[in-house]
């Protein structure tokens, strides 16, 4: 598993990204780093506050607006799936702890 996502308050494991999913999201993570200074890296731990999650949602929405969603359907599915998780955490006002390998 490339990254594990946990609730920050309880350390409960919620979901993980494997290497392929991480590769599908990597360009979004690079843009996120440019906007926030935080790089979501499979070898480091990090934390996403609610504000960071909202930033990630905006980045994903911008990607969806310009991407050819039929070009790489697996990537599209991964991005939409990840967006759903970011929206869930953001709506629940929960910070996320991300644990790398």
N, C-alpha and C. Protein backbone atom coordinates (compact mmCIF):
# COMPACT_ATOMS: atom_id res chain seq x y z
N UNK A 1 0.85 -1.18 0.00
CA UNK A 1 0.00 0.00 0.00
C UNK A 1 0.90 1.24 0.00
N UNK A 2 0.66 2.15 -0.91
CA UNK A 2 1.47 3.36 -1.00
C UNK A 2 1.16 4.33 0.12
N UNK A 3 -0.12 4.54 0.41
CA UNK A 3 -0.51 5.48 1.46
C UNK A 3 -1.73 4.96 2.20
N UNK A 4 -1.75 5.19 3.50
CA UNK A 4 -2.91 4.86 4.32
C UNK A 4 -3.48 6.14 4.89
N UNK A 5 -4.80 6.28 4.81
CA UNK A 5 -5.49 7.47 5.30
C UNK A 5 -6.25 7.10 6.57
N UNK A 6 -6.02 7.90 7.61
CA UNK A 6 -6.62 7.66 8.92
C UNK A 6 -7.34 8.92 9.41
N UNK A 7 -8.35 8.70 10.21
CA UNK A 7 -8.95 9.85 10.91
C UNK A 7 -7.89 10.37 11.87
N UNK A 8 -7.72 11.68 11.90
CA UNK A 8 -6.69 12.24 12.78
C UNK A 8 -7.08 12.09 14.24
N UNK A 9 -8.37 12.24 14.55
CA UNK A 9 -8.81 12.23 15.95
C UNK A 9 -8.76 10.85 16.59
N UNK A 10 -9.00 9.79 15.82
CA UNK A 10 -9.07 8.46 16.42
C UNK A 10 -8.04 7.48 15.86
N UNK A 11 -7.31 7.90 14.84
CA UNK A 11 -6.32 7.05 14.16
C UNK A 11 -6.95 5.86 13.45
N UNK A 12 -8.27 5.88 13.27
CA UNK A 12 -8.97 4.81 12.57
C UNK A 12 -8.58 4.81 11.09
N UNK A 13 -8.16 3.66 10.60
CA UNK A 13 -7.83 3.52 9.18
C UNK A 13 -9.13 3.59 8.38
N UNK A 14 -9.13 4.45 7.35
CA UNK A 14 -10.34 4.63 6.57
C UNK A 14 -10.19 4.08 5.16
N UNK A 15 -9.08 4.39 4.51
CA UNK A 15 -8.84 3.84 3.18
C UNK A 15 -7.36 3.96 2.86
N UNK A 16 -6.97 3.33 1.78
CA UNK A 16 -5.58 3.38 1.35
C UNK A 16 -5.49 3.55 -0.15
N UNK A 17 -4.35 4.01 -0.59
CA UNK A 17 -4.04 4.10 -2.02
C UNK A 17 -2.93 3.11 -2.33
N UNK A 18 -3.13 2.32 -3.37
CA UNK A 18 -2.03 1.47 -3.81
C UNK A 18 -1.16 2.26 -4.79
N UNK A 19 -0.12 1.64 -5.27
CA UNK A 19 0.83 2.35 -6.14
C UNK A 19 0.18 2.86 -7.42
N UNK A 20 -0.70 2.09 -8.02
CA UNK A 20 -1.36 2.52 -9.25
C UNK A 20 -2.29 3.71 -9.00
N UNK A 21 -3.04 3.65 -7.91
CA UNK A 21 -3.93 4.77 -7.58
C UNK A 21 -3.12 6.02 -7.30
N UNK A 22 -2.02 5.87 -6.57
CA UNK A 22 -1.15 7.01 -6.30
C UNK A 22 -0.65 7.62 -7.61
N UNK A 23 -0.25 6.79 -8.55
CA UNK A 23 0.24 7.28 -9.83
C UNK A 23 -0.85 8.06 -10.57
N UNK A 24 -2.09 7.62 -10.47
CA UNK A 24 -3.20 8.34 -11.10
C UNK A 24 -3.43 9.71 -10.47
N UNK A 25 -3.11 9.84 -9.21
CA UNK A 25 -3.37 11.08 -8.48
C UNK A 25 -2.14 11.99 -8.36
N UNK A 26 -0.99 11.50 -8.77
CA UNK A 26 0.26 12.20 -8.52
C UNK A 26 0.27 13.63 -9.07
N UNK A 27 -0.25 13.84 -10.28
CA UNK A 27 -0.24 15.21 -10.82
C UNK A 27 -1.11 16.15 -9.98
N UNK A 28 -2.17 15.64 -9.38
CA UNK A 28 -2.99 16.45 -8.49
C UNK A 28 -2.23 16.77 -7.20
N UNK A 29 -1.46 15.79 -6.72
CA UNK A 29 -0.66 16.00 -5.51
C UNK A 29 0.44 17.03 -5.75
N UNK A 30 1.01 17.05 -6.95
CA UNK A 30 2.03 18.04 -7.28
C UNK A 30 1.41 19.44 -7.28
N UNK A 31 0.25 19.58 -7.88
CA UNK A 31 -0.42 20.88 -7.87
C UNK A 31 -0.80 21.29 -6.45
N UNK A 32 -1.22 20.32 -5.64
CA UNK A 32 -1.55 20.59 -4.24
C UNK A 32 -0.32 21.13 -3.50
N UNK A 33 0.85 20.55 -3.78
CA UNK A 33 2.08 21.03 -3.15
C UNK A 33 2.37 22.47 -3.56
N UNK A 34 2.14 22.79 -4.82
CA UNK A 34 2.38 24.16 -5.30
C UNK A 34 1.49 25.15 -4.58
N UNK A 35 0.28 24.74 -4.25
CA UNK A 35 -0.68 25.65 -3.60
C UNK A 35 -0.52 25.71 -2.09
N UNK A 36 -0.07 24.60 -1.47
CA UNK A 36 -0.06 24.53 -0.01
C UNK A 36 1.32 24.33 0.60
N UNK A 37 2.27 23.85 -0.18
CA UNK A 37 3.58 23.50 0.36
C UNK A 37 3.62 22.10 0.94
N UNK A 38 2.51 21.40 0.91
CA UNK A 38 2.43 20.04 1.45
C UNK A 38 2.43 19.06 0.28
N UNK A 39 3.38 18.13 0.29
CA UNK A 39 3.42 17.12 -0.76
C UNK A 39 2.94 15.80 -0.17
N UNK A 40 1.96 15.23 -0.81
CA UNK A 40 1.45 13.92 -0.39
C UNK A 40 2.36 12.88 -1.04
N UNK A 41 3.18 12.31 -0.20
CA UNK A 41 4.30 11.48 -0.64
C UNK A 41 4.13 10.07 -0.06
N UNK A 42 4.35 9.02 -0.87
CA UNK A 42 4.19 7.67 -0.35
C UNK A 42 5.24 7.26 0.67
N UNK A 43 6.23 8.10 0.92
CA UNK A 43 7.29 7.75 1.86
C UNK A 43 7.29 8.61 3.11
N UNK A 44 6.34 9.53 3.20
CA UNK A 44 6.28 10.42 4.36
C UNK A 44 4.88 10.45 4.93
N UNK A 45 4.79 10.84 6.18
CA UNK A 45 3.50 11.06 6.82
C UNK A 45 3.13 12.53 6.65
N UNK A 46 1.85 12.79 6.58
CA UNK A 46 1.38 14.17 6.51
C UNK A 46 -0.02 14.26 7.08
N UNK A 47 -0.49 15.48 7.15
CA UNK A 47 -1.82 15.75 7.71
C UNK A 47 -2.54 16.71 6.78
N UNK A 48 -3.82 16.42 6.54
CA UNK A 48 -4.65 17.32 5.75
C UNK A 48 -5.75 17.89 6.63
N UNK A 49 -5.69 19.19 6.84
CA UNK A 49 -6.75 19.86 7.59
C UNK A 49 -7.98 19.99 6.70
N UNK A 50 -9.05 20.47 7.25
CA UNK A 50 -10.27 20.69 6.46
C UNK A 50 -10.01 21.70 5.34
N UNK A 51 -9.24 22.74 5.62
CA UNK A 51 -8.91 23.72 4.58
C UNK A 51 -8.10 23.07 3.45
N UNK A 52 -7.18 22.20 3.81
CA UNK A 52 -6.39 21.49 2.80
C UNK A 52 -7.28 20.58 1.96
N UNK A 53 -8.24 19.94 2.60
CA UNK A 53 -9.16 19.08 1.87
C UNK A 53 -9.98 19.90 0.87
N UNK A 54 -10.41 21.07 1.27
CA UNK A 54 -11.17 21.95 0.37
C UNK A 54 -10.30 22.39 -0.81
N UNK A 55 -9.04 22.66 -0.54
CA UNK A 55 -8.11 23.00 -1.63
C UNK A 55 -7.98 21.82 -2.59
N UNK A 56 -7.84 20.62 -2.05
CA UNK A 56 -7.73 19.44 -2.90
C UNK A 56 -9.00 19.26 -3.73
N UNK A 57 -10.15 19.50 -3.15
CA UNK A 57 -11.40 19.38 -3.89
C UNK A 57 -11.46 20.38 -5.05
N UNK A 58 -10.97 21.58 -4.83
CA UNK A 58 -10.94 22.58 -5.90
C UNK A 58 -9.99 22.15 -7.02
N UNK A 59 -8.85 21.58 -6.66
CA UNK A 59 -7.90 21.09 -7.65
C UNK A 59 -8.53 19.97 -8.47
N UNK A 60 -9.20 19.06 -7.80
CA UNK A 60 -9.84 17.95 -8.50
C UNK A 60 -10.94 18.47 -9.43
N UNK A 61 -11.76 19.39 -8.94
CA UNK A 61 -12.83 19.95 -9.77
C UNK A 61 -12.26 20.64 -11.01
N UNK A 62 -11.16 21.35 -10.86
CA UNK A 62 -10.52 22.01 -12.00
C UNK A 62 -10.00 20.97 -12.99
N UNK A 63 -9.45 19.88 -12.50
CA UNK A 63 -8.97 18.81 -13.36
C UNK A 63 -10.13 18.19 -14.14
N UNK A 64 -11.24 17.94 -13.43
CA UNK A 64 -12.42 17.35 -14.07
C UNK A 64 -12.95 18.25 -15.18
N UNK A 65 -12.91 19.56 -14.95
CA UNK A 65 -13.41 20.51 -15.94
C UNK A 65 -12.64 20.48 -17.25
N UNK A 66 -11.36 20.16 -17.21
CA UNK A 66 -10.55 20.22 -18.44
C UNK A 66 -10.10 18.87 -18.97
N UNK A 67 -10.20 17.83 -18.17
CA UNK A 67 -9.70 16.51 -18.58
C UNK A 67 -10.67 15.83 -19.54
N UNK A 68 -10.10 15.01 -20.42
CA UNK A 68 -10.91 14.12 -21.24
C UNK A 68 -11.16 12.88 -20.38
N UNK A 69 -12.33 12.84 -19.77
CA UNK A 69 -12.62 11.81 -18.78
C UNK A 69 -12.71 10.40 -19.39
N UNK A 70 -12.85 10.33 -20.70
CA UNK A 70 -12.92 9.02 -21.36
C UNK A 70 -11.55 8.51 -21.81
N UNK A 71 -10.54 9.37 -21.76
CA UNK A 71 -9.22 8.99 -22.24
C UNK A 71 -8.59 7.88 -21.39
N UNK A 72 -8.64 8.05 -20.08
CA UNK A 72 -8.08 7.06 -19.16
C UNK A 72 -9.12 6.83 -18.07
N UNK A 73 -9.99 5.87 -18.31
CA UNK A 73 -11.12 5.65 -17.41
C UNK A 73 -10.69 5.21 -16.01
N UNK A 74 -9.61 4.45 -15.92
CA UNK A 74 -9.14 4.03 -14.59
C UNK A 74 -8.68 5.24 -13.78
N UNK A 75 -7.99 6.17 -14.42
CA UNK A 75 -7.57 7.38 -13.73
C UNK A 75 -8.79 8.19 -13.32
N UNK A 76 -9.75 8.31 -14.22
CA UNK A 76 -10.96 9.07 -13.91
C UNK A 76 -11.68 8.46 -12.71
N UNK A 77 -11.80 7.16 -12.69
CA UNK A 77 -12.47 6.48 -11.57
C UNK A 77 -11.70 6.73 -10.27
N UNK A 78 -10.38 6.65 -10.32
CA UNK A 78 -9.58 6.89 -9.12
C UNK A 78 -9.75 8.33 -8.63
N UNK A 79 -9.72 9.29 -9.53
CA UNK A 79 -9.87 10.70 -9.14
C UNK A 79 -11.25 10.93 -8.52
N UNK A 80 -12.29 10.41 -9.13
CA UNK A 80 -13.65 10.59 -8.60
C UNK A 80 -13.78 9.91 -7.24
N UNK A 81 -13.22 8.73 -7.12
CA UNK A 81 -13.25 8.00 -5.84
C UNK A 81 -12.53 8.80 -4.76
N UNK A 82 -11.35 9.33 -5.08
CA UNK A 82 -10.58 10.12 -4.12
C UNK A 82 -11.35 11.41 -3.77
N UNK A 83 -11.97 12.02 -4.75
CA UNK A 83 -12.77 13.23 -4.50
C UNK A 83 -13.90 12.92 -3.52
N UNK A 84 -14.51 11.77 -3.67
CA UNK A 84 -15.59 11.37 -2.76
C UNK A 84 -15.09 11.29 -1.32
N UNK A 85 -13.90 10.70 -1.14
CA UNK A 85 -13.32 10.63 0.22
C UNK A 85 -12.99 12.01 0.76
N UNK A 86 -12.40 12.86 -0.06
CA UNK A 86 -12.07 14.22 0.39
C UNK A 86 -13.35 14.97 0.78
N UNK A 87 -14.39 14.81 0.00
CA UNK A 87 -15.66 15.45 0.31
C UNK A 87 -16.26 14.92 1.60
N UNK A 88 -16.14 13.61 1.82
CA UNK A 88 -16.65 13.00 3.04
C UNK A 88 -15.96 13.58 4.27
N UNK A 89 -14.63 13.59 4.25
CA UNK A 89 -13.89 14.11 5.40
C UNK A 89 -14.17 15.60 5.60
N UNK A 90 -14.22 16.34 4.52
CA UNK A 90 -14.47 17.77 4.61
C UNK A 90 -15.86 18.05 5.20
N UNK A 91 -16.85 17.32 4.72
CA UNK A 91 -18.23 17.51 5.22
C UNK A 91 -18.37 17.12 6.68
N UNK A 92 -17.58 16.17 7.13
CA UNK A 92 -17.61 15.71 8.53
C UNK A 92 -16.69 16.54 9.42
N UNK A 93 -15.98 17.51 8.82
CA UNK A 93 -15.04 18.36 9.57
C UNK A 93 -13.97 17.54 10.30
N UNK A 94 -13.40 16.59 9.58
CA UNK A 94 -12.37 15.73 10.15
C UNK A 94 -11.04 15.95 9.46
N UNK A 95 -10.00 16.15 10.24
CA UNK A 95 -8.66 16.18 9.68
C UNK A 95 -8.24 14.74 9.35
N UNK A 96 -7.31 14.63 8.40
CA UNK A 96 -6.85 13.33 7.95
C UNK A 96 -5.35 13.21 8.24
N UNK A 97 -4.97 12.03 8.71
CA UNK A 97 -3.56 11.69 8.86
C UNK A 97 -3.23 10.73 7.73
N UNK A 98 -2.16 11.03 7.00
CA UNK A 98 -1.73 10.19 5.89
C UNK A 98 -0.40 9.56 6.27
N UNK A 99 -0.36 8.25 6.22
CA UNK A 99 0.86 7.52 6.60
C UNK A 99 1.46 6.86 5.38
N UNK A 100 2.71 7.20 5.11
CA UNK A 100 3.44 6.58 4.01
C UNK A 100 4.14 5.32 4.47
N UNK A 101 4.76 4.64 3.52
CA UNK A 101 5.49 3.40 3.85
C UNK A 101 6.72 3.68 4.67
